[in-house]
PDB file of N, CA and C in Angstrom:
ATOM      1  N   MET A   1     124.726  62.554  87.863  1.00  0.00           N
ATOM      2  CA  MET A   1     125.548  63.423  87.035  1.00  0.00           C
ATOM      3  C   MET A   1     125.104  64.875  87.092  1.00  0.00           C
ATOM      4  N   PRO A   2     123.825  65.186  87.283  1.00  0.00           N
ATOM      5  CA  PRO A   2     123.441  66.590  87.398  1.00  0.00           C
ATOM      6  C   PRO A   2     124.133  67.308  88.558  1.00  0.00           C
ATOM      7  N   GLU A   3     124.610  66.555  89.545  1.00  0.00           N
ATOM      8  CA  GLU A   3     125.302  67.170  90.668  1.00  0.00           C
ATOM      9  C   GLU A   3     126.566  67.900  90.214  1.00  0.00           C
ATOM     10  N   ARG A   4     127.140  67.493  89.081  1.00  0.00           N
ATOM     11  CA  ARG A   4     128.319  68.189  88.545  1.00  0.00           C
ATOM     12  C   ARG A   4     128.002  69.649  88.284  1.00  0.00           C
ATOM     13  N   LEU A   5     126.788  69.931  87.832  1.00  0.00           N
ATOM     14  CA  LEU A   5     126.393  71.309  87.558  1.00  0.00           C
ATOM     15  C   LEU A   5     126.344  72.117  88.846  1.00  0.00           C
ATOM     16  N   LYS A   6     125.827  71.516  89.891  1.00  0.00           N
ATOM     17  CA  LYS A   6     125.707  72.204  91.177  1.00  0.00           C
ATOM     18  C   LYS A   6     127.079  72.609  91.714  1.00  0.00           C
ATOM     19  N   LYS A   7     128.078  71.775  91.473  1.00  0.00           N
ATOM     20  CA  LYS A   7     129.426  72.018  91.978  1.00  0.00           C
ATOM     21  C   LYS A   7     130.292  72.836  91.027  1.00  0.00           C
ATOM     22  N   ALA A   8     129.821  73.048  89.802  1.00  0.00           N
ATOM     23  CA  ALA A   8     130.621  73.762  88.796  1.00  0.00           C
ATOM     24  C   ALA A   8     130.888  75.203  89.227  1.00  0.00           C
ATOM     25  N   LYS A   9     132.114  75.639  89.027  1.00  0.00           N
ATOM     26  CA  LYS A   9     132.491  77.008  89.391  1.00  0.00           C
ATOM     27  C   LYS A   9     131.977  78.021  88.373  1.00  0.00           C
ATOM     28  N   LYS A  10     132.010  77.655  87.104  1.00  0.00           N
ATOM     29  CA  LYS A  10     131.561  78.570  86.058  1.00  0.00           C
ATOM     30  C   LYS A  10     130.415  77.916  85.304  1.00  0.00           C
ATOM     31  N   LYS A  11     129.237  78.526  85.429  1.00  0.00           N
ATOM     32  CA  LYS A  11     128.071  77.981  84.737  1.00  0.00           C
ATOM     33  C   LYS A  11     127.252  79.107  84.142  1.00  0.00           C
ATOM     34  N   VAL A  12     126.471  78.743  83.150  1.00  0.00           N
ATOM     35  CA  VAL A  12     125.532  79.677  82.535  1.00  0.00           C
ATOM     36  C   VAL A  12     124.148  79.070  82.653  1.00  0.00           C
ATOM     37  N   VAL A  13     123.165  79.932  82.835  1.00  0.00           N
ATOM     38  CA  VAL A  13     121.793  79.478  83.028  1.00  0.00           C
ATOM     39  C   VAL A  13     120.891  80.174  82.022  1.00  0.00           C
ATOM     40  N   GLY A  14     119.998  79.417  81.434  1.00  0.00           N
ATOM     41  CA  GLY A  14     119.038  79.967  80.476  1.00  0.00           C
ATOM     42  C   GLY A  14     119.397  79.596  79.054  1.00  0.00           C
ATOM     43  N   THR A  15     118.395  79.571  78.220  1.00  0.00           N
ATOM     44  CA  THR A  15     118.606  79.120  76.842  1.00  0.00           C
ATOM     45  C   THR A  15     119.484  80.066  76.039  1.00  0.00           C
ATOM     46  N   LYS A  16     119.279  81.361  76.182  1.00  0.00           N
ATOM     47  CA  LYS A  16     120.075  82.314  75.394  1.00  0.00           C
ATOM     48  C   LYS A  16     121.543  82.256  75.757  1.00  0.00           C
ATOM     49  N   GLN A  17     121.849  82.260  77.053  1.00  0.00           N
ATOM     50  CA  GLN A  17     123.244  82.215  77.482  1.00  0.00           C
ATOM     51  C   GLN A  17     123.891  80.875  77.154  1.00  0.00           C
ATOM     52  N   THR A  18     123.127  79.807  77.291  1.00  0.00           N
ATOM     53  CA  THR A  18     123.651  78.486  76.961  1.00  0.00           C
ATOM     54  C   THR A  18     123.985  78.400  75.479  1.00  0.00           C
ATOM     55  N   LEU A  19     123.060  78.830  74.638  1.00  0.00           N
ATOM     56  CA  LEU A  19     123.270  78.804  73.189  1.00  0.00           C
ATOM     57  C   LEU A  19     124.483  79.648  72.803  1.00  0.00           C
ATOM     58  N   LYS A  20     124.575  80.836  73.366  1.00  0.00           N
ATOM     59  CA  LYS A  20     125.689  81.748  73.073  1.00  0.00           C
ATOM     60  C   LYS A  20     127.030  81.103  73.429  1.00  0.00           C
ATOM     61  N   ASN A  21     127.102  80.455  74.569  1.00  0.00           N
ATOM     62  CA  ASN A  21     128.353  79.838  75.001  1.00  0.00           C
ATOM     63  C   ASN A  21     128.693  78.585  74.204  1.00  0.00           C
ATOM     64  N   ILE A  22     127.684  77.860  73.726  1.00  0.00           N
ATOM     65  CA  ILE A  22     127.952  76.723  72.843  1.00  0.00           C
ATOM     66  C   ILE A  22     128.538  77.233  71.535  1.00  0.00           C
ATOM     67  N   GLU A  23     127.919  78.270  70.991  1.00  0.00           N
ATOM     68  CA  GLU A  23     128.409  78.853  69.734  1.00  0.00           C
ATOM     69  C   GLU A  23     129.852  79.319  69.855  1.00  0.00           C
ATOM     70  N   ASN A  24     130.220  79.822  71.030  1.00  0.00           N
ATOM     71  CA  ASN A  24     131.586  80.304  71.271  1.00  0.00           C
ATOM     72  C   ASN A  24     132.529  79.194  71.722  1.00  0.00           C
ATOM     73  N   LYS A  25     132.040  77.955  71.691  1.00  0.00           N
ATOM     74  CA  LYS A  25     132.819  76.765  72.038  1.00  0.00           C
ATOM     75  C   LYS A  25     133.407  76.835  73.448  1.00  0.00           C
ATOM     76  N   LYS A  26     132.612  77.316  74.390  1.00  0.00           N
ATOM     77  CA  LYS A  26     133.043  77.428  75.773  1.00  0.00           C
ATOM     78  C   LYS A  26     132.380  76.405  76.691  1.00  0.00           C
ATOM     79  N   VAL A  27     131.543  75.555  76.130  1.00  0.00           N
ATOM     80  CA  VAL A  27     130.729  74.654  76.948  1.00  0.00           C
ATOM     81  C   VAL A  27     131.286  73.231  76.929  1.00  0.00           C
ATOM     82  N   LYS A  28     131.317  72.611  78.104  1.00  0.00           N
ATOM     83  CA  LYS A  28     131.729  71.214  78.223  1.00  0.00           C
ATOM     84  C   LYS A  28     130.519  70.293  78.245  1.00  0.00           C
ATOM     85  N   VAL A  29     129.517  70.653  79.040  1.00  0.00           N
ATOM     86  CA  VAL A  29     128.319  69.828  79.202  1.00  0.00           C
ATOM     87  C   VAL A  29     127.098  70.744  79.257  1.00  0.00           C
ATOM     88  N   VAL A  30     126.020  70.326  78.584  1.00  0.00           N
ATOM     89  CA  VAL A  30     124.765  71.079  78.596  1.00  0.00           C
ATOM     90  C   VAL A  30     123.716  70.259  79.338  1.00  0.00           C
ATOM     91  N   TYR A  31     122.939  70.940  80.156  1.00  0.00           N
ATOM     92  CA  TYR A  31     121.843  70.320  80.894  1.00  0.00           C
ATOM     93  C   TYR A  31     120.540  70.868  80.351  1.00  0.00           C
ATOM     94  N   ILE A  32     119.611  69.975  80.055  1.00  0.00           N
ATOM     95  CA  ILE A  32     118.318  70.376  79.490  1.00  0.00           C
ATOM     96  C   ILE A  32     117.206  69.731  80.300  1.00  0.00           C
ATOM     97  N   ALA A  33     116.203  70.525  80.630  1.00  0.00           N
ATOM     98  CA  ALA A  33     115.040  70.003  81.357  1.00  0.00           C
ATOM     99  C   ALA A  33     114.155  69.233  80.386  1.00  0.00           C
ATOM    100  N   GLU A  34     113.758  68.034  80.789  1.00  0.00           N
ATOM    101  CA  GLU A  34     112.920  67.192  79.931  1.00  0.00           C
ATOM    102  C   GLU A  34     111.551  67.802  79.672  1.00  0.00           C
ATOM    103  N   ASN A  35     111.056  68.640  80.588  1.00  0.00           N
ATOM    104  CA  ASN A  35     109.740  69.241  80.384  1.00  0.00           C
ATOM    105  C   ASN A  35     109.815  70.627  79.747  1.00  0.00           C
ATOM    106  N   ALA A  36     110.970  70.993  79.236  1.00  0.00           N
ATOM    107  CA  ALA A  36     111.115  72.282  78.547  1.00  0.00           C
ATOM    108  C   ALA A  36     110.423  72.218  77.187  1.00  0.00           C
ATOM    109  N   ASP A  37     109.948  73.354  76.733  1.00  0.00           N
ATOM    110  CA  ASP A  37     109.286  73.453  75.437  1.00  0.00           C
ATOM    111  C   ASP A  37     110.270  73.060  74.328  1.00  0.00           C
ATOM    112  N   GLU A  38     109.868  72.134  73.492  1.00  0.00           N
ATOM    113  CA  GLU A  38     110.725  71.611  72.421  1.00  0.00           C
ATOM    114  C   GLU A  38     111.271  72.719  71.517  1.00  0.00           C
ATOM    115  N   ARG A  39     110.441  73.683  71.169  1.00  0.00           N
ATOM    116  CA  ARG A  39     110.901  74.749  70.263  1.00  0.00           C
ATOM    117  C   ARG A  39     111.956  75.627  70.919  1.00  0.00           C
ATOM    118  N   VAL A  40     111.990  75.649  72.228  1.00  0.00           N
ATOM    119  CA  VAL A  40     112.969  76.460  72.950  1.00  0.00           C
ATOM    120  C   VAL A  40     114.327  75.760  73.003  1.00  0.00           C
ATOM    121  N   VAL A  41     114.316  74.459  73.245  1.00  0.00           N
ATOM    122  CA  VAL A  41     115.576  73.744  73.434  1.00  0.00           C
ATOM    123  C   VAL A  41     116.108  73.042  72.184  1.00  0.00           C
ATOM    124  N   SER A  42     115.301  72.909  71.144  1.00  0.00           N
ATOM    125  CA  SER A  42     115.768  72.192  69.952  1.00  0.00           C
ATOM    126  C   SER A  42     116.995  72.836  69.293  1.00  0.00           C
ATOM    127  N   PRO A  43     117.116  74.182  69.236  1.00  0.00           N
ATOM    128  CA  PRO A  43     118.345  74.751  68.666  1.00  0.00           C
ATOM    129  C   PRO A  43     119.585  74.385  69.485  1.00  0.00           C
ATOM    130  N   ILE A  44     119.429  74.293  70.793  1.00  0.00           N
ATOM    131  CA  ILE A  44     120.546  73.920  71.662  1.00  0.00           C
ATOM    132  C   ILE A  44     120.940  72.468  71.409  1.00  0.00           C
ATOM    133  N   ILE A  45     119.947  71.593  71.323  1.00  0.00           N
ATOM    134  CA  ILE A  45     120.213  70.173  71.087  1.00  0.00           C
ATOM    135  C   ILE A  45     120.926  69.974  69.757  1.00  0.00           C
ATOM    136  N   LYS A  46     120.452  70.643  68.710  1.00  0.00           N
ATOM    137  CA  LYS A  46     121.064  70.509  67.385  1.00  0.00           C
ATOM    138  C   LYS A  46     122.512  70.988  67.390  1.00  0.00           C
ATOM    139  N   LEU A  47     122.758  72.119  68.030  1.00  0.00           N
ATOM    140  CA  LEU A  47     124.111  72.661  68.085  1.00  0.00           C
ATOM    141  C   LEU A  47     125.034  71.746  68.892  1.00  0.00           C
ATOM    142  N   CYS A  48     124.521  71.191  69.976  1.00  0.00           N
ATOM    143  CA  CYS A  48     125.313  70.246  70.774  1.00  0.00           C
ATOM    144  C   CYS A  48     125.679  69.017  69.954  1.00  0.00           C
ATOM    145  N   GLU A  49     124.733  68.521  69.191  1.00  0.00           N
ATOM    146  CA  GLU A  49     125.004  67.354  68.352  1.00  0.00           C
ATOM    147  C   GLU A  49     126.054  67.677  67.293  1.00  0.00           C
ATOM    148  N   ASN A  50     125.969  68.853  66.700  1.00  0.00           N
ATOM    149  CA  ASN A  50     126.939  69.253  65.675  1.00  0.00           C
ATOM    150  C   ASN A  50     128.336  69.436  66.248  1.00  0.00           C
ATOM    151  N   GLN A  51     128.414  69.936  67.474  1.00  0.00           N
ATOM    152  CA  GLN A  51     129.717  70.204  68.088  1.00  0.00           C
ATOM    153  C   GLN A  51     130.160  69.101  69.041  1.00  0.00           C
ATOM    154  N   GLU A  52     129.382  68.029  69.106  1.00  0.00           N
ATOM    155  CA  GLU A  52     129.681  66.883  69.967  1.00  0.00           C
ATOM    156  C   GLU A  52     129.841  67.283  71.434  1.00  0.00           C
ATOM    157  N   VAL A  53     128.914  68.123  71.900  1.00  0.00           N
ATOM    158  CA  VAL A  53     128.860  68.534  73.299  1.00  0.00           C
ATOM    159  C   VAL A  53     127.923  67.573  74.022  1.00  0.00           C
ATOM    160  N   GLU A  54     128.344  67.116  75.183  1.00  0.00           N
ATOM    161  CA  GLU A  54     127.542  66.173  75.962  1.00  0.00           C
ATOM    162  C   GLU A  54     126.256  66.843  76.455  1.00  0.00           C
ATOM    163  N   ILE A  55     125.139  66.128  76.366  1.00  0.00           N
ATOM    164  CA  ILE A  55     123.850  66.612  76.873  1.00  0.00           C
ATOM    165  C   ILE A  55     123.411  65.703  78.011  1.00  0.00           C
ATOM    166  N   VAL A  56     123.022  66.327  79.120  1.00  0.00           N
ATOM    167  CA  VAL A  56     122.479  65.600  80.264  1.00  0.00           C
ATOM    168  C   VAL A  56     121.062  66.117  80.478  1.00  0.00           C
ATOM    169  N   TYR A  57     120.117  65.205  80.561  1.00  0.00           N
ATOM    170  CA  TYR A  57     118.722  65.595  80.758  1.00  0.00           C
ATOM    171  C   TYR A  57     118.369  65.542  82.240  1.00  0.00           C
ATOM    172  N   VAL A  58     117.672  66.583  82.670  1.00  0.00           N
ATOM    173  CA  VAL A  58     117.175  66.685  84.040  1.00  0.00           C
ATOM    174  C   VAL A  58     115.658  66.621  83.943  1.00  0.00           C
ATOM    175  N   GLU A  59     115.019  66.001  84.902  1.00  0.00           N
ATOM    176  CA  GLU A  59     113.589  65.714  84.817  1.00  0.00           C
ATOM    177  C   GLU A  59     112.719  66.958  84.615  1.00  0.00           C
ATOM    178  N   THR A  60     112.936  68.008  85.403  1.00  0.00           N
ATOM    179  CA  THR A  60     112.069  69.189  85.298  1.00  0.00           C
ATOM    180  C   THR A  60     112.871  70.482  85.284  1.00  0.00           C
ATOM    181  N   LYS A  61     112.212  71.536  84.814  1.00  0.00           N
ATOM    182  CA  LYS A  61     112.829  72.863  84.820  1.00  0.00           C
ATOM    183  C   LYS A  61     113.091  73.324  86.246  1.00  0.00           C
ATOM    184  N   GLU A  62     112.195  72.973  87.142  1.00  0.00           N
ATOM    185  CA  GLU A  62     112.348  73.366  88.542  1.00  0.00           C
ATOM    186  C   GLU A  62     113.591  72.726  89.154  1.00  0.00           C
ATOM    187  N   GLN A  63     113.806  71.435  88.861  1.00  0.00           N
ATOM    188  CA  GLN A  63     114.998  70.750  89.365  1.00  0.00           C
ATOM    189  C   GLN A  63     116.270  71.370  88.792  1.00  0.00           C
ATOM    190  N   LEU A  64     116.232  71.697  87.515  1.00  0.00           N
ATOM    191  CA  LEU A  64     117.398  72.312  86.881  1.00  0.00           C
ATOM    192  C   LEU A  64     117.686  73.678  87.501  1.00  0.00           C
ATOM    193  N   GLY A  65     116.641  74.437  87.761  1.00  0.00           N
ATOM    194  CA  GLY A  65     116.828  75.731  88.424  1.00  0.00           C
ATOM    195  C   GLY A  65     117.474  75.579  89.790  1.00  0.00           C
ATOM    196  N   LEU A  66     117.023  74.604  90.558  1.00  0.00           N
ATOM    197  CA  LEU A  66     117.611  74.363  91.880  1.00  0.00           C
ATOM    198  C   LEU A  66     119.074  73.956  91.783  1.00  0.00           C
ATOM    199  N   LEU A  67     119.408  73.130  90.801  1.00  0.00           N
ATOM    200  CA  LEU A  67     120.803  72.737  90.597  1.00  0.00           C
ATOM    201  C   LEU A  67     121.680  73.937  90.254  1.00  0.00           C
ATOM    202  N   CYS A  68     121.064  74.932  89.636  1.00  0.00           N
ATOM    203  CA  CYS A  68     121.797  76.143  89.257  1.00  0.00           C
ATOM    204  C   CYS A  68     121.831  77.171  90.383  1.00  0.00           C
ATOM    205  N   GLY A  69     121.100  76.896  91.451  1.00  0.00           N
ATOM    206  CA  GLY A  69     121.088  77.810  92.585  1.00  0.00           C
ATOM    207  C   GLY A  69     120.147  78.993  92.411  1.00  0.00           C
ATOM    208  N   ILE A  70     119.112  78.809  91.580  1.00  0.00           N
ATOM    209  CA  ILE A  70     118.133  79.885  91.389  1.00  0.00           C
ATOM    210  C   ILE A  70     116.762  79.401  91.862  1.00  0.00           C
ATOM    211  N   GLN A  71     115.876  80.345  92.127  1.00  0.00           N
ATOM    212  CA  GLN A  71     114.567  80.030  92.693  1.00  0.00           C
ATOM    213  C   GLN A  71     113.483  79.812  91.639  1.00  0.00           C
ATOM    214  N   VAL A  72     113.845  79.858  90.369  1.00  0.00           N
ATOM    215  CA  VAL A  72     112.882  79.653  89.285  1.00  0.00           C
ATOM    216  C   VAL A  72     113.383  78.519  88.392  1.00  0.00           C
ATOM    217  N   GLY A  73     112.520  78.029  87.534  1.00  0.00           N
ATOM    218  CA  GLY A  73     112.898  76.958  86.628  1.00  0.00           C
ATOM    219  C   GLY A  73     113.818  77.443  85.525  1.00  0.00           C
ATOM    220  N   ALA A  74     114.544  76.509  84.951  1.00  0.00           N
ATOM    221  CA  ALA A  74     115.437  76.808  83.825  1.00  0.00           C
ATOM    222  C   ALA A  74     115.289  75.695  82.794  1.00  0.00           C
ATOM    223  N   ALA A  75     115.181  76.076  81.536  1.00  0.00           N
ATOM    224  CA  ALA A  75     115.056  75.089  80.462  1.00  0.00           C
ATOM    225  C   ALA A  75     116.403  74.494  80.113  1.00  0.00           C
ATOM    226  N   ALA A  76     117.463  75.301  80.233  1.00  0.00           N
ATOM    227  CA  ALA A  76     118.801  74.833  79.868  1.00  0.00           C
ATOM    228  C   ALA A  76     119.847  75.530  80.721  1.00  0.00           C
ATOM    229  N   ALA A  77     120.955  74.851  80.883  1.00  0.00           N
ATOM    230  CA  ALA A  77     122.103  75.394  81.599  1.00  0.00           C
ATOM    231  C   ALA A  77     123.337  74.632  81.149  1.00  0.00           C
ATOM    232  N   ALA A  78     124.491  75.176  81.490  1.00  0.00           N
ATOM    233  CA  ALA A  78     125.744  74.505  81.103  1.00  0.00           C
ATOM    234  C   ALA A  78     126.853  74.932  82.035  1.00  0.00           C
ATOM    235  N   PHE A  79     127.884  74.099  82.107  1.00  0.00           N
ATOM    236  CA  PHE A  79     129.069  74.619  82.761  1.00  0.00           C
ATOM    237  C   PHE A  79     130.139  74.797  81.706  1.00  0.00           C
ATOM    238  N   THR A  80     130.920  75.825  81.905  1.00  0.00           N
ATOM    239  CA  THR A  80     131.872  76.255  80.888  1.00  0.00           C
ATOM    240  C   THR A  80     133.299  75.930  81.302  1.00  0.00           C
ATOM    241  N   ASP A  81     134.184  76.077  80.339  1.00  0.00           N
ATOM    242  CA  ASP A  81     135.583  75.824  80.639  1.00  0.00           C
ATOM    243  C   ASP A  81     136.295  77.084  81.102  1.00  0.00           C
ATOM    244  N   GLY A  82     135.547  78.193  81.181  1.00  0.00           N
ATOM    245  CA  GLY A  82     136.110  79.429  81.721  1.00  0.00           C
ATOM    246  C   GLY A  82     136.964  80.227  80.763  1.00  0.00           C
ATOM    247  N   LYS A  83     136.984  79.892  79.486  1.00  0.00           N
ATOM    248  CA  LYS A  83     137.801  80.645  78.508  1.00  0.00           C
ATOM    249  C   LYS A  83     137.138  81.959  78.159  1.00  0.00           C
TER     250      LYS A  83
END
């Protein structure tokens, strides 16, 4: 399922951008690295649960970064509906 992120046309990378897009109800699916710092990703997880946004866990930040097409790790990412 993480391959969906790699193929997504519109995606956001990073905790701040992911959180912002969830708040604006533009996110379909959120990806979170399992080795991300809990205090960094917990606000995203809580907001996803409140808004019933699907969460997909990826094993490491490095893997998530590669799925996003960047050379560094990422704690969170999402693909948006483009609104």
